[in-house]
């Protein structure tokens, strides 16, 4: 029973492309409405993430152009404490 609850919790926490912010740059990486404005992504991939100042959340300002930026975006996604960053591969 506990395993089932943990599975449901982890599934619910994954980024959902249907809930992504409209500010996100078009492309595979995005931030959804689960963002808690913790700054992890902006520190990890500063060329690709920014803060929406008025509403207090992060979003993808630019999709990665280089292998280094790609790795930084992936690290930001892996490090996000609420799994608000997604990569839909498109």
N, C-alpha and C. Protein backbone atom coordinates (compact mmCIF):
# COMPACT_ATOMS: atom_id res chain seq x y z
N UNK A 1 0.82 -1.20 0.00
CA UNK A 1 0.00 0.00 0.00
C UNK A 1 0.86 1.27 0.00
N UNK A 2 1.90 1.29 0.82
CA UNK A 2 2.77 2.46 0.87
C UNK A 2 3.47 2.66 -0.47
N UNK A 3 3.92 1.57 -1.08
CA UNK A 3 4.57 1.67 -2.39
C UNK A 3 3.65 2.28 -3.43
N UNK A 4 2.37 1.91 -3.39
CA UNK A 4 1.40 2.47 -4.33
C UNK A 4 1.22 3.96 -4.12
N UNK A 5 1.18 4.37 -2.86
CA UNK A 5 1.03 5.79 -2.55
C UNK A 5 2.25 6.57 -3.02
N UNK A 6 3.44 6.02 -2.81
CA UNK A 6 4.65 6.69 -3.27
C UNK A 6 4.70 6.78 -4.78
N UNK A 7 4.26 5.74 -5.45
CA UNK A 7 4.23 5.75 -6.91
C UNK A 7 3.29 6.84 -7.41
N UNK A 8 2.11 6.95 -6.80
CA UNK A 8 1.16 7.99 -7.20
C UNK A 8 1.72 9.37 -6.92
N UNK A 9 2.39 9.54 -5.77
CA UNK A 9 2.96 10.83 -5.42
C UNK A 9 4.04 11.23 -6.41
N UNK A 10 4.92 10.30 -6.75
CA UNK A 10 5.99 10.63 -7.68
C UNK A 10 5.44 10.90 -9.07
N UNK A 11 4.39 10.22 -9.47
CA UNK A 11 3.78 10.47 -10.77
C UNK A 11 3.16 11.86 -10.80
N UNK A 12 2.48 12.21 -9.73
CA UNK A 12 1.81 13.51 -9.67
C UNK A 12 2.81 14.67 -9.69
N UNK A 13 4.03 14.44 -9.22
CA UNK A 13 5.01 15.50 -9.11
C UNK A 13 5.73 15.79 -10.42
N UNK A 14 5.65 14.91 -11.39
CA UNK A 14 6.36 15.12 -12.65
C UNK A 14 5.80 16.33 -13.40
N UNK A 15 6.68 17.03 -14.09
CA UNK A 15 6.25 18.19 -14.88
C UNK A 15 5.24 17.74 -15.93
N UNK A 16 4.26 18.60 -16.17
CA UNK A 16 3.19 18.30 -17.11
C UNK A 16 3.18 19.37 -18.19
N UNK A 17 3.41 18.95 -19.43
CA UNK A 17 3.48 19.95 -20.51
C UNK A 17 2.16 20.68 -20.71
N UNK A 18 1.04 20.09 -20.29
CA UNK A 18 -0.25 20.77 -20.39
C UNK A 18 -0.37 21.91 -19.38
N UNK A 19 0.49 21.89 -18.34
CA UNK A 19 0.47 22.93 -17.30
C UNK A 19 1.66 23.88 -17.40
N UNK A 20 2.37 23.85 -18.51
CA UNK A 20 3.56 24.71 -18.62
C UNK A 20 3.14 26.17 -18.76
N UNK A 21 4.00 27.04 -18.27
CA UNK A 21 3.74 28.47 -18.37
C UNK A 21 3.87 28.93 -19.82
N UNK A 22 3.05 29.87 -20.20
CA UNK A 22 3.08 30.38 -21.58
C UNK A 22 4.34 31.20 -21.86
N UNK A 23 5.03 31.64 -20.82
CA UNK A 23 6.27 32.40 -20.98
C UNK A 23 7.41 31.56 -21.55
N UNK A 24 7.33 30.24 -21.40
CA UNK A 24 8.41 29.36 -21.84
C UNK A 24 8.71 29.53 -23.33
N UNK A 25 9.98 29.52 -23.65
CA UNK A 25 10.42 29.51 -25.05
C UNK A 25 9.95 28.20 -25.68
N UNK A 26 9.50 28.26 -26.91
CA UNK A 26 9.04 27.05 -27.60
C UNK A 26 10.18 26.05 -27.71
N UNK A 27 9.89 24.80 -27.41
CA UNK A 27 10.90 23.76 -27.50
C UNK A 27 10.70 22.70 -26.43
N UNK A 28 11.68 21.84 -26.29
CA UNK A 28 11.50 20.66 -25.46
C UNK A 28 11.55 20.92 -23.96
N UNK A 29 12.34 21.86 -23.48
CA UNK A 29 12.38 22.15 -22.04
C UNK A 29 11.31 23.18 -21.70
N UNK A 30 10.71 23.02 -20.53
CA UNK A 30 9.67 23.95 -20.07
C UNK A 30 9.57 23.88 -18.55
N UNK A 31 8.94 24.89 -17.96
CA UNK A 31 8.62 24.92 -16.54
C UNK A 31 7.11 24.95 -16.44
N UNK A 32 6.57 24.14 -15.51
CA UNK A 32 5.11 24.13 -15.35
C UNK A 32 4.71 24.84 -14.05
N UNK A 33 3.42 24.81 -13.76
CA UNK A 33 2.85 25.57 -12.65
C UNK A 33 3.21 25.04 -11.27
N UNK A 34 3.96 23.96 -11.18
CA UNK A 34 4.42 23.46 -9.88
C UNK A 34 5.61 24.25 -9.34
N UNK A 35 6.20 25.13 -10.15
CA UNK A 35 7.39 25.88 -9.77
C UNK A 35 7.16 26.63 -8.46
N UNK A 36 8.16 26.53 -7.56
CA UNK A 36 8.09 27.22 -6.27
C UNK A 36 9.08 28.39 -6.20
N UNK A 37 9.66 28.77 -7.32
CA UNK A 37 10.55 29.93 -7.40
C UNK A 37 11.77 29.78 -6.48
N UNK A 38 12.38 28.59 -6.50
CA UNK A 38 13.50 28.31 -5.59
C UNK A 38 14.85 28.78 -6.12
N UNK A 39 14.95 29.09 -7.39
CA UNK A 39 16.17 29.62 -8.01
C UNK A 39 17.16 28.56 -8.48
N UNK A 40 16.90 27.27 -8.25
CA UNK A 40 17.85 26.22 -8.64
C UNK A 40 18.11 26.25 -10.14
N UNK A 41 17.09 26.32 -10.95
CA UNK A 41 17.28 26.29 -12.41
C UNK A 41 18.00 27.53 -12.91
N UNK A 42 17.70 28.67 -12.32
CA UNK A 42 18.33 29.92 -12.76
C UNK A 42 19.81 29.96 -12.42
N UNK A 43 20.19 29.31 -11.34
CA UNK A 43 21.61 29.22 -10.97
C UNK A 43 22.31 28.16 -11.82
N UNK A 44 21.64 27.05 -12.06
CA UNK A 44 22.23 25.93 -12.79
C UNK A 44 22.37 26.21 -14.28
N UNK A 45 21.38 26.85 -14.87
CA UNK A 45 21.38 27.13 -16.31
C UNK A 45 20.96 28.59 -16.55
N UNK A 46 21.82 29.53 -16.15
CA UNK A 46 21.43 30.95 -16.21
C UNK A 46 21.18 31.49 -17.61
N UNK A 47 21.71 30.86 -18.63
CA UNK A 47 21.46 31.32 -20.00
C UNK A 47 20.10 30.87 -20.52
N UNK A 48 19.45 29.98 -19.79
CA UNK A 48 18.23 29.37 -20.31
C UNK A 48 16.99 29.58 -19.44
N UNK A 49 17.18 29.95 -18.18
CA UNK A 49 16.05 30.15 -17.27
C UNK A 49 16.08 31.56 -16.71
N UNK A 50 14.90 32.12 -16.48
CA UNK A 50 14.78 33.44 -15.88
C UNK A 50 13.59 33.42 -14.92
N UNK A 51 13.47 34.50 -14.17
CA UNK A 51 12.37 34.63 -13.21
C UNK A 51 11.31 35.56 -13.77
N UNK A 52 10.07 35.15 -13.64
CA UNK A 52 8.94 36.01 -13.95
C UNK A 52 8.72 36.83 -12.67
N UNK A 53 9.19 38.05 -12.69
CA UNK A 53 9.26 38.87 -11.48
C UNK A 53 7.90 39.14 -10.84
N UNK A 54 6.91 39.48 -11.63
CA UNK A 54 5.61 39.86 -11.07
C UNK A 54 4.88 38.69 -10.41
N UNK A 55 5.01 37.51 -10.99
CA UNK A 55 4.25 36.36 -10.49
C UNK A 55 5.10 35.36 -9.71
N UNK A 56 6.43 35.51 -9.76
CA UNK A 56 7.31 34.71 -8.93
C UNK A 56 7.44 33.25 -9.32
N UNK A 57 7.87 33.00 -10.53
CA UNK A 57 8.19 31.64 -10.97
C UNK A 57 9.26 31.71 -12.05
N UNK A 58 9.88 30.57 -12.30
CA UNK A 58 10.90 30.49 -13.35
C UNK A 58 10.27 30.02 -14.65
N UNK A 59 10.95 30.32 -15.75
CA UNK A 59 10.51 29.84 -17.05
C UNK A 59 11.72 29.74 -17.97
N UNK A 60 11.58 29.00 -19.05
CA UNK A 60 12.66 28.84 -20.01
C UNK A 60 12.65 30.04 -20.95
N UNK A 61 13.73 30.81 -20.92
CA UNK A 61 13.82 31.98 -21.78
C UNK A 61 14.39 31.64 -23.15
N UNK A 62 15.20 30.58 -23.18
CA UNK A 62 15.87 30.19 -24.42
C UNK A 62 16.17 28.70 -24.35
N UNK A 63 15.82 28.00 -25.41
CA UNK A 63 16.16 26.58 -25.47
C UNK A 63 17.68 26.44 -25.64
N UNK A 64 18.26 25.35 -25.16
CA UNK A 64 19.71 25.19 -25.26
C UNK A 64 20.20 25.14 -26.71
N UNK A 65 21.31 25.85 -26.96
CA UNK A 65 21.92 25.89 -28.30
C UNK A 65 23.19 25.06 -28.39
N UNK A 66 23.78 24.77 -27.25
CA UNK A 66 25.06 24.07 -27.23
C UNK A 66 24.96 22.82 -26.36
N UNK A 67 25.87 21.89 -26.51
CA UNK A 67 25.89 20.72 -25.62
C UNK A 67 26.02 21.11 -24.15
N UNK A 68 26.78 22.18 -23.87
CA UNK A 68 26.93 22.64 -22.49
C UNK A 68 25.59 23.14 -21.93
N UNK A 69 24.88 23.95 -22.72
CA UNK A 69 23.56 24.42 -22.27
C UNK A 69 22.59 23.27 -22.13
N UNK A 70 22.64 22.32 -23.02
CA UNK A 70 21.78 21.13 -22.94
C UNK A 70 22.03 20.40 -21.62
N UNK A 71 23.30 20.21 -21.28
CA UNK A 71 23.66 19.53 -20.03
C UNK A 71 23.20 20.34 -18.81
N UNK A 72 23.33 21.66 -18.88
CA UNK A 72 22.89 22.50 -17.78
C UNK A 72 21.38 22.44 -17.60
N UNK A 73 20.63 22.45 -18.69
CA UNK A 73 19.17 22.34 -18.61
C UNK A 73 18.76 20.99 -18.05
N UNK A 74 19.45 19.95 -18.47
CA UNK A 74 19.16 18.61 -17.94
C UNK A 74 19.46 18.56 -16.45
N UNK A 75 20.58 19.15 -16.04
CA UNK A 75 20.92 19.19 -14.61
C UNK A 75 19.88 19.98 -13.83
N UNK A 76 19.42 21.10 -14.38
CA UNK A 76 18.38 21.89 -13.72
C UNK A 76 17.12 21.06 -13.55
N UNK A 77 16.75 20.33 -14.59
CA UNK A 77 15.56 19.48 -14.52
C UNK A 77 15.74 18.40 -13.45
N UNK A 78 16.89 17.76 -13.44
CA UNK A 78 17.16 16.70 -12.47
C UNK A 78 17.24 17.23 -11.04
N UNK A 79 17.61 18.50 -10.87
CA UNK A 79 17.79 19.09 -9.55
C UNK A 79 16.54 19.79 -9.01
N UNK A 80 15.57 20.01 -9.84
CA UNK A 80 14.36 20.73 -9.42
C UNK A 80 13.68 19.98 -8.27
N UNK A 81 13.51 20.64 -7.12
CA UNK A 81 12.96 19.94 -5.95
C UNK A 81 11.50 19.54 -6.08
N UNK A 82 10.77 20.16 -6.99
CA UNK A 82 9.35 19.82 -7.16
C UNK A 82 9.05 19.26 -8.54
N UNK A 83 10.09 18.95 -9.30
CA UNK A 83 9.95 18.38 -10.65
C UNK A 83 9.06 19.23 -11.55
N UNK A 84 9.27 20.54 -11.49
CA UNK A 84 8.48 21.47 -12.30
C UNK A 84 9.07 21.69 -13.69
N UNK A 85 10.24 21.14 -13.95
CA UNK A 85 10.89 21.29 -15.26
C UNK A 85 10.70 20.01 -16.05
N UNK A 86 10.25 20.18 -17.27
CA UNK A 86 10.03 19.02 -18.12
C UNK A 86 10.83 19.09 -19.40
N UNK A 87 10.94 17.95 -20.04
CA UNK A 87 11.60 17.82 -21.34
C UNK A 87 10.73 16.87 -22.13
N UNK A 88 9.93 17.41 -23.04
CA UNK A 88 9.03 16.54 -23.81
C UNK A 88 9.67 16.04 -25.10
N UNK A 89 10.95 16.40 -25.31
CA UNK A 89 11.68 15.89 -26.46
C UNK A 89 11.35 16.55 -27.78
N UNK A 90 10.46 17.51 -27.77
CA UNK A 90 10.05 18.17 -29.03
C UNK A 90 10.79 19.47 -29.22
